[in-house]
Protein backbone atom coordinates (compact mmCIF):
# COMPACT_ATOMS: atom_id res chain seq x y z
CA MET A 1 3.51 17.24 33.56
CA GLU A 2 5.53 18.90 30.87
CA ASP A 3 7.35 16.79 28.27
CA LYS A 4 10.88 17.66 29.35
CA LYS A 5 10.24 16.71 32.98
CA PHE A 6 8.47 13.52 31.95
CA PHE A 7 11.33 12.31 29.74
CA TYR A 8 13.95 13.10 32.38
CA LEU A 9 11.89 11.25 34.99
CA LEU A 10 11.48 8.31 32.63
CA GLY A 11 15.25 8.17 32.12
CA VAL A 12 16.00 8.31 35.84
CA ILE A 13 13.47 5.61 36.71
CA SER A 14 14.72 3.28 33.99
CA TYR A 15 18.35 3.88 35.02
CA ILE A 16 17.59 3.12 38.68
CA SER A 17 15.61 0.00 37.83
CA TRP A 18 18.62 -1.83 36.36
CA PRO A 19 20.75 -1.90 39.54
CA LEU A 20 17.67 -2.78 41.59
CA TYR A 21 16.94 -5.69 39.27
CA PHE A 22 20.49 -7.00 39.57
CA LEU A 23 20.39 -6.62 43.35
CA MET A 24 17.29 -8.81 43.45
CA LYS A 25 18.75 -11.40 41.04
CA LEU A 26 22.37 -11.22 42.26
CA SER A 27 22.82 -14.98 42.56
CA GLU A 28 21.58 -15.69 39.02
CA TYR A 29 24.24 -13.68 37.16
CA PRO A 30 28.04 -13.73 37.30
CA THR A 31 29.65 -10.51 38.49
CA SER A 32 31.22 -9.86 35.09
CA ASP A 33 27.81 -9.85 33.40
CA ILE A 34 26.41 -7.43 35.99
CA VAL A 35 29.33 -5.04 35.55
CA GLU A 36 28.99 -5.23 31.77
CA ALA A 37 25.25 -4.53 31.91
CA LEU A 38 25.62 -1.62 34.32
CA THR A 39 28.39 -0.14 32.20
CA PHE A 40 26.19 -0.44 29.12
CA ILE A 41 23.16 1.19 30.74
CA THR A 42 25.35 4.01 32.08
CA VAL A 43 26.71 4.79 28.61
CA VAL A 44 23.24 4.60 27.07
CA ALA A 45 21.77 6.80 29.82
CA ILE A 46 24.45 9.43 29.27
CA PHE A 47 23.62 9.54 25.56
CA TYR A 48 19.90 9.63 26.36
CA PHE A 49 20.25 12.63 28.65
CA ILE A 50 22.56 14.44 26.20
CA ILE A 51 20.03 13.95 23.42
CA LEU A 52 17.21 15.17 25.67
CA TYR A 53 19.21 18.21 26.67
CA PHE A 54 19.85 19.23 23.05
CA TYR A 55 16.30 18.39 21.96
CA PHE A 56 14.64 20.58 24.59
CA ASP A 57 17.27 23.35 24.50
């Protein structure tokens, strides 16, 4: 697998794992914490994919 594809796949899998984790542990966290965490991971994922795009371009 080439590096670019691997890093994009890694980013997608890690981004998808956060909502799945919170779905499994929904009763343990208040809604505000879940929204905050998902907002954070979305912002970080956007920066991650932008950096990857410019790195491999």
